[in-house]
Amino acid sequence: MAKERKFDFAPLPLVPDTQEDEPVVTKAPATAEVADGAPTKVTFDCDFVLMENMKDYGYWEGLTQKDIIIESLKLYFQDKEIRPRPDKIRNRTKVGRKPKSTLV
């Protein structure tokens, strides 16, 4: 039979209350654009050969697929003129499944 053991739990160390006088502001480089809002997950079909090339390149360069796609999109849109969509189109209700967080 197992012996009956008593454990003494030490109290957790108290962290002194630190109040921030000023919020920390980090400045991004001038060439980087500030993204609006949180990142968005995307899913799309891609040619098998392109996907394999991306995986091979990412392996040898130590990059993730996300890093490669984001860098590719930045380079693609670098010299393009981008006009915003009309508000009517931009504010259209989304079609598809609702996020789990709103299904309460």
N, C-alpha and C. Protein backbone atom coordinates (compact mmCIF):
# COMPACT_ATOMS: atom_id res chain seq x y z
N MET A 1 0.83 -1.18 0.00
CA MET A 1 0.00 0.00 0.00
C MET A 1 0.87 1.24 0.00
N ALA A 2 0.31 2.26 -0.60
CA ALA A 2 1.05 3.51 -0.69
C ALA A 2 1.06 4.21 0.66
N LYS A 3 2.19 4.82 0.95
CA LYS A 3 2.28 5.57 2.19
C LYS A 3 1.53 6.89 2.06
N GLU A 4 0.98 7.31 3.15
CA GLU A 4 0.26 8.57 3.15
C GLU A 4 1.28 9.69 3.29
N ARG A 5 1.31 10.58 2.31
CA ARG A 5 2.29 11.66 2.32
C ARG A 5 1.57 12.99 2.43
N LYS A 6 2.17 13.87 3.17
CA LYS A 6 1.62 15.21 3.30
C LYS A 6 2.57 16.17 2.59
N PHE A 7 2.01 17.02 1.78
CA PHE A 7 2.80 17.98 1.04
C PHE A 7 2.55 19.37 1.58
N ASP A 8 3.61 20.12 1.73
CA ASP A 8 3.49 21.52 2.12
C ASP A 8 3.69 22.36 0.86
N PHE A 9 2.72 23.18 0.57
CA PHE A 9 2.81 24.01 -0.61
C PHE A 9 3.32 25.39 -0.21
N ALA A 10 4.35 25.82 -0.88
CA ALA A 10 4.91 27.15 -0.61
C ALA A 10 4.04 28.19 -1.32
N PRO A 11 3.86 29.34 -0.72
CA PRO A 11 3.06 30.38 -1.40
C PRO A 11 3.79 30.89 -2.64
N LEU A 12 3.00 31.30 -3.61
CA LEU A 12 3.58 31.85 -4.82
C LEU A 12 4.23 33.19 -4.51
N PRO A 13 5.34 33.50 -5.16
CA PRO A 13 5.98 34.79 -4.91
C PRO A 13 5.09 35.92 -5.41
N LEU A 14 5.00 36.97 -4.63
CA LEU A 14 4.18 38.11 -5.01
C LEU A 14 4.99 39.02 -5.91
N VAL A 15 4.38 39.40 -7.00
CA VAL A 15 5.02 40.32 -7.94
C VAL A 15 4.57 41.72 -7.59
N PRO A 16 5.52 42.62 -7.36
CA PRO A 16 5.10 43.99 -7.03
C PRO A 16 4.32 44.59 -8.17
N ASP A 17 3.30 45.37 -7.82
CA ASP A 17 2.49 46.03 -8.83
C ASP A 17 3.35 47.04 -9.57
N THR A 18 3.45 46.84 -10.87
CA THR A 18 4.21 47.79 -11.68
C THR A 18 3.23 48.58 -12.50
N GLN A 19 3.36 49.87 -12.42
CA GLN A 19 2.49 50.73 -13.20
C GLN A 19 3.31 51.34 -14.32
N GLU A 20 2.75 51.27 -15.48
CA GLU A 20 3.44 51.83 -16.63
C GLU A 20 3.13 53.31 -16.72
N ASP A 21 4.17 54.12 -16.71
CA ASP A 21 3.98 55.55 -16.83
C ASP A 21 3.55 55.91 -18.25
N GLU A 22 4.24 55.36 -19.21
CA GLU A 22 3.94 55.63 -20.61
C GLU A 22 3.91 54.31 -21.36
N PRO A 23 2.99 54.16 -22.29
CA PRO A 23 2.98 52.93 -23.08
C PRO A 23 4.22 52.87 -23.98
N VAL A 24 4.69 51.67 -24.19
CA VAL A 24 5.85 51.48 -25.04
C VAL A 24 5.42 51.58 -26.49
N VAL A 25 6.06 52.43 -27.25
CA VAL A 25 5.73 52.63 -28.65
C VAL A 25 6.93 52.19 -29.47
N THR A 26 6.69 51.25 -30.37
CA THR A 26 7.74 50.82 -31.27
C THR A 26 7.44 51.36 -32.65
N LYS A 27 8.44 51.87 -33.28
CA LYS A 27 8.25 52.41 -34.62
C LYS A 27 8.70 51.39 -35.64
N ALA A 28 7.84 51.16 -36.62
CA ALA A 28 8.18 50.23 -37.70
C ALA A 28 9.02 50.97 -38.72
N PRO A 29 9.82 50.24 -39.49
CA PRO A 29 10.60 50.89 -40.53
C PRO A 29 9.69 51.60 -41.53
N ALA A 30 10.21 52.61 -42.19
CA ALA A 30 9.40 53.41 -43.11
C ALA A 30 8.91 52.58 -44.29
N THR A 31 9.63 51.53 -44.66
CA THR A 31 9.25 50.75 -45.83
C THR A 31 8.13 49.76 -45.51
N ALA A 32 7.94 49.42 -44.25
CA ALA A 32 6.90 48.45 -43.89
C ALA A 32 5.55 49.14 -43.76
N GLU A 33 4.52 48.47 -44.24
CA GLU A 33 3.18 49.01 -44.14
C GLU A 33 2.51 48.42 -42.91
N VAL A 34 1.68 49.19 -42.26
CA VAL A 34 0.97 48.72 -41.09
C VAL A 34 -0.28 47.99 -41.55
N ALA A 35 -0.45 46.77 -41.05
CA ALA A 35 -1.62 45.98 -41.44
C ALA A 35 -2.82 46.43 -40.62
N ASP A 36 -3.98 46.44 -41.25
CA ASP A 36 -5.21 46.83 -40.56
C ASP A 36 -5.80 45.61 -39.88
N GLY A 37 -5.90 45.65 -38.56
CA GLY A 37 -6.56 44.58 -37.82
C GLY A 37 -5.71 43.35 -37.66
N ALA A 38 -6.36 42.29 -37.20
CA ALA A 38 -5.69 41.03 -36.95
C ALA A 38 -5.44 40.28 -38.26
N PRO A 39 -4.50 39.35 -38.25
CA PRO A 39 -4.26 38.56 -39.46
C PRO A 39 -5.50 37.75 -39.84
N THR A 40 -5.63 37.45 -41.11
CA THR A 40 -6.76 36.70 -41.63
C THR A 40 -6.28 35.37 -42.17
N LYS A 41 -6.96 34.31 -41.81
CA LYS A 41 -6.61 33.00 -42.36
C LYS A 41 -7.21 32.87 -43.76
N VAL A 42 -6.43 32.32 -44.67
CA VAL A 42 -6.90 32.13 -46.03
C VAL A 42 -6.65 30.69 -46.46
N THR A 43 -7.50 30.20 -47.33
CA THR A 43 -7.35 28.87 -47.89
C THR A 43 -7.60 29.00 -49.39
N PHE A 44 -6.71 28.42 -50.17
CA PHE A 44 -6.87 28.49 -51.62
C PHE A 44 -6.19 27.30 -52.27
N ASP A 45 -6.60 27.03 -53.49
CA ASP A 45 -5.98 25.96 -54.27
C ASP A 45 -4.72 26.50 -54.93
N CYS A 46 -3.73 25.63 -55.05
CA CYS A 46 -2.45 26.03 -55.63
C CYS A 46 -1.92 24.87 -56.46
N ASP A 47 -1.22 25.18 -57.54
CA ASP A 47 -0.62 24.13 -58.35
C ASP A 47 0.36 23.32 -57.51
N PHE A 48 0.38 22.02 -57.72
CA PHE A 48 1.24 21.13 -56.95
C PHE A 48 2.71 21.50 -57.11
N VAL A 49 3.12 21.83 -58.32
CA VAL A 49 4.53 22.16 -58.58
C VAL A 49 4.93 23.43 -57.82
N LEU A 50 4.06 24.44 -57.83
CA LEU A 50 4.37 25.67 -57.09
C LEU A 50 4.48 25.40 -55.59
N MET A 51 3.59 24.57 -55.07
CA MET A 51 3.61 24.24 -53.65
C MET A 51 4.89 23.48 -53.28
N GLU A 52 5.28 22.54 -54.10
CA GLU A 52 6.51 21.80 -53.85
C GLU A 52 7.74 22.71 -53.91
N ASN A 53 7.74 23.62 -54.89
CA ASN A 53 8.86 24.57 -54.97
C ASN A 53 8.93 25.43 -53.72
N MET A 54 7.76 25.86 -53.23
CA MET A 54 7.74 26.69 -52.02
C MET A 54 8.24 25.90 -50.82
N LYS A 55 7.82 24.64 -50.69
CA LYS A 55 8.27 23.82 -49.58
C LYS A 55 9.78 23.58 -49.65
N ASP A 56 10.30 23.29 -50.84
CA ASP A 56 11.74 23.07 -51.00
C ASP A 56 12.53 24.32 -50.68
N TYR A 57 12.08 25.46 -51.20
CA TYR A 57 12.77 26.73 -50.94
C TYR A 57 12.73 27.06 -49.45
N GLY A 58 11.58 26.89 -48.83
CA GLY A 58 11.44 27.17 -47.41
C GLY A 58 12.32 26.28 -46.55
N TYR A 59 12.48 25.03 -46.95
CA TYR A 59 13.32 24.11 -46.19
C TYR A 59 14.77 24.59 -46.18
N TRP A 60 15.29 24.91 -47.36
CA TRP A 60 16.70 25.28 -47.45
C TRP A 60 17.00 26.69 -46.95
N GLU A 61 16.01 27.56 -47.01
CA GLU A 61 16.22 28.95 -46.55
C GLU A 61 15.76 29.16 -45.11
N GLY A 62 15.14 28.16 -44.50
CA GLY A 62 14.67 28.28 -43.13
C GLY A 62 13.47 29.20 -42.99
N LEU A 63 12.60 29.19 -44.00
CA LEU A 63 11.41 30.04 -44.00
C LEU A 63 10.16 29.18 -43.91
N THR A 64 9.11 29.75 -43.37
CA THR A 64 7.83 29.06 -43.36
C THR A 64 7.08 29.39 -44.65
N GLN A 65 6.06 28.60 -44.95
CA GLN A 65 5.26 28.88 -46.13
C GLN A 65 4.58 30.23 -45.99
N LYS A 66 4.16 30.55 -44.78
CA LYS A 66 3.53 31.85 -44.52
C LYS A 66 4.49 32.98 -44.87
N ASP A 67 5.75 32.87 -44.44
CA ASP A 67 6.74 33.91 -44.72
C ASP A 67 6.93 34.10 -46.22
N ILE A 68 7.00 32.99 -46.93
CA ILE A 68 7.22 33.04 -48.39
C ILE A 68 6.04 33.70 -49.08
N ILE A 69 4.82 33.32 -48.70
CA ILE A 69 3.63 33.88 -49.35
C ILE A 69 3.50 35.36 -49.05
N ILE A 70 3.72 35.77 -47.80
CA ILE A 70 3.61 37.18 -47.45
C ILE A 70 4.66 38.01 -48.19
N GLU A 71 5.88 37.52 -48.24
CA GLU A 71 6.94 38.24 -48.97
C GLU A 71 6.61 38.33 -50.46
N SER A 72 6.07 37.25 -51.02
CA SER A 72 5.70 37.25 -52.44
C SER A 72 4.61 38.26 -52.72
N LEU A 73 3.60 38.33 -51.84
CA LEU A 73 2.53 39.29 -52.02
C LEU A 73 3.04 40.73 -51.90
N LYS A 74 3.93 40.97 -50.95
CA LYS A 74 4.51 42.31 -50.81
C LYS A 74 5.26 42.71 -52.07
N LEU A 75 6.04 41.80 -52.61
CA LEU A 75 6.78 42.10 -53.84
C LEU A 75 5.84 42.29 -55.03
N TYR A 76 4.78 41.51 -55.09
CA TYR A 76 3.82 41.62 -56.19
C TYR A 76 3.13 42.97 -56.19
N PHE A 77 2.69 43.42 -55.00
CA PHE A 77 1.94 44.67 -54.91
C PHE A 77 2.82 45.91 -54.78
N GLN A 78 4.13 45.72 -54.76
CA GLN A 78 5.06 46.83 -54.54
C GLN A 78 4.91 47.93 -55.59
N ASP A 79 4.78 47.58 -56.85
CA ASP A 79 4.72 48.58 -57.92
C ASP A 79 3.34 48.68 -58.55
N LYS A 80 2.32 48.21 -57.84
CA LYS A 80 0.95 48.26 -58.37
C LYS A 80 0.19 49.42 -57.75
N GLU A 81 -0.74 49.98 -58.52
CA GLU A 81 -1.65 50.99 -57.99
C GLU A 81 -2.87 50.25 -57.46
N ILE A 82 -3.16 50.42 -56.19
CA ILE A 82 -4.25 49.70 -55.56
C ILE A 82 -5.36 50.68 -55.22
N ARG A 83 -6.51 50.49 -55.86
CA ARG A 83 -7.67 51.33 -55.58
C ARG A 83 -8.57 50.58 -54.61
N PRO A 84 -9.08 51.25 -53.59
CA PRO A 84 -9.97 50.56 -52.65
C PRO A 84 -11.30 50.21 -53.30
N ARG A 85 -11.90 49.12 -52.82
CA ARG A 85 -13.21 48.71 -53.31
C ARG A 85 -14.25 49.71 -52.84
N PRO A 86 -15.37 49.81 -53.56
CA PRO A 86 -16.45 50.69 -53.09
C PRO A 86 -16.98 50.21 -51.74
N ASP A 87 -17.47 51.16 -50.93
CA ASP A 87 -17.99 50.82 -49.60
C ASP A 87 -19.12 49.81 -49.66
N LYS A 88 -19.95 49.89 -50.71
CA LYS A 88 -21.06 48.96 -50.87
C LYS A 88 -20.54 47.52 -50.95
N ILE A 89 -19.47 47.31 -51.66
CA ILE A 89 -18.89 45.98 -51.82
C ILE A 89 -18.12 45.59 -50.56
N ARG A 90 -17.37 46.51 -50.01
CA ARG A 90 -16.53 46.23 -48.84
C ARG A 90 -17.37 45.87 -47.62
N ASN A 91 -18.52 46.51 -47.45
CA ASN A 91 -19.35 46.30 -46.26
C ASN A 91 -20.44 45.24 -46.46
N ARG A 92 -20.38 44.49 -47.56
CA ARG A 92 -21.35 43.45 -47.82
C ARG A 92 -21.26 42.36 -46.75
N THR A 93 -22.39 41.76 -46.40
CA THR A 93 -22.36 40.69 -45.41
C THR A 93 -21.60 39.50 -45.96
N LYS A 94 -20.89 38.84 -45.08
CA LYS A 94 -20.07 37.71 -45.50
C LYS A 94 -20.95 36.48 -45.67
N VAL A 95 -20.61 35.67 -46.66
CA VAL A 95 -21.34 34.44 -46.94
C VAL A 95 -20.52 33.28 -46.41
N GLY A 96 -21.18 32.30 -45.82
CA GLY A 96 -20.47 31.12 -45.35
C GLY A 96 -20.74 30.85 -43.89
N ARG A 97 -19.95 29.98 -43.32
CA ARG A 97 -20.12 29.59 -41.92
C ARG A 97 -19.75 30.75 -41.01
N LYS A 98 -20.45 30.82 -39.90
CA LYS A 98 -20.12 31.84 -38.91
C LYS A 98 -18.98 31.34 -38.04
N PRO A 99 -18.13 32.24 -37.57
CA PRO A 99 -17.04 31.81 -36.68
C PRO A 99 -17.60 31.20 -35.41
N LYS A 100 -16.86 30.27 -34.82
CA LYS A 100 -17.31 29.58 -33.62
C LYS A 100 -17.50 30.56 -32.46
N SER A 101 -16.74 31.63 -32.42
CA SER A 101 -16.83 32.56 -31.31
C SER A 101 -18.18 33.27 -31.25
N THR A 102 -18.87 33.39 -32.37
CA THR A 102 -20.18 34.05 -32.39
C THR A 102 -21.34 33.09 -32.21
N LEU A 103 -21.06 31.79 -32.18
CA LEU A 103 -22.11 30.79 -32.03
C LEU A 103 -22.29 30.45 -30.56
N VAL A 104 -22.87 31.35 -29.80
CA VAL A 104 -23.07 31.10 -28.38
C VAL A 104 -24.53 30.98 -28.07
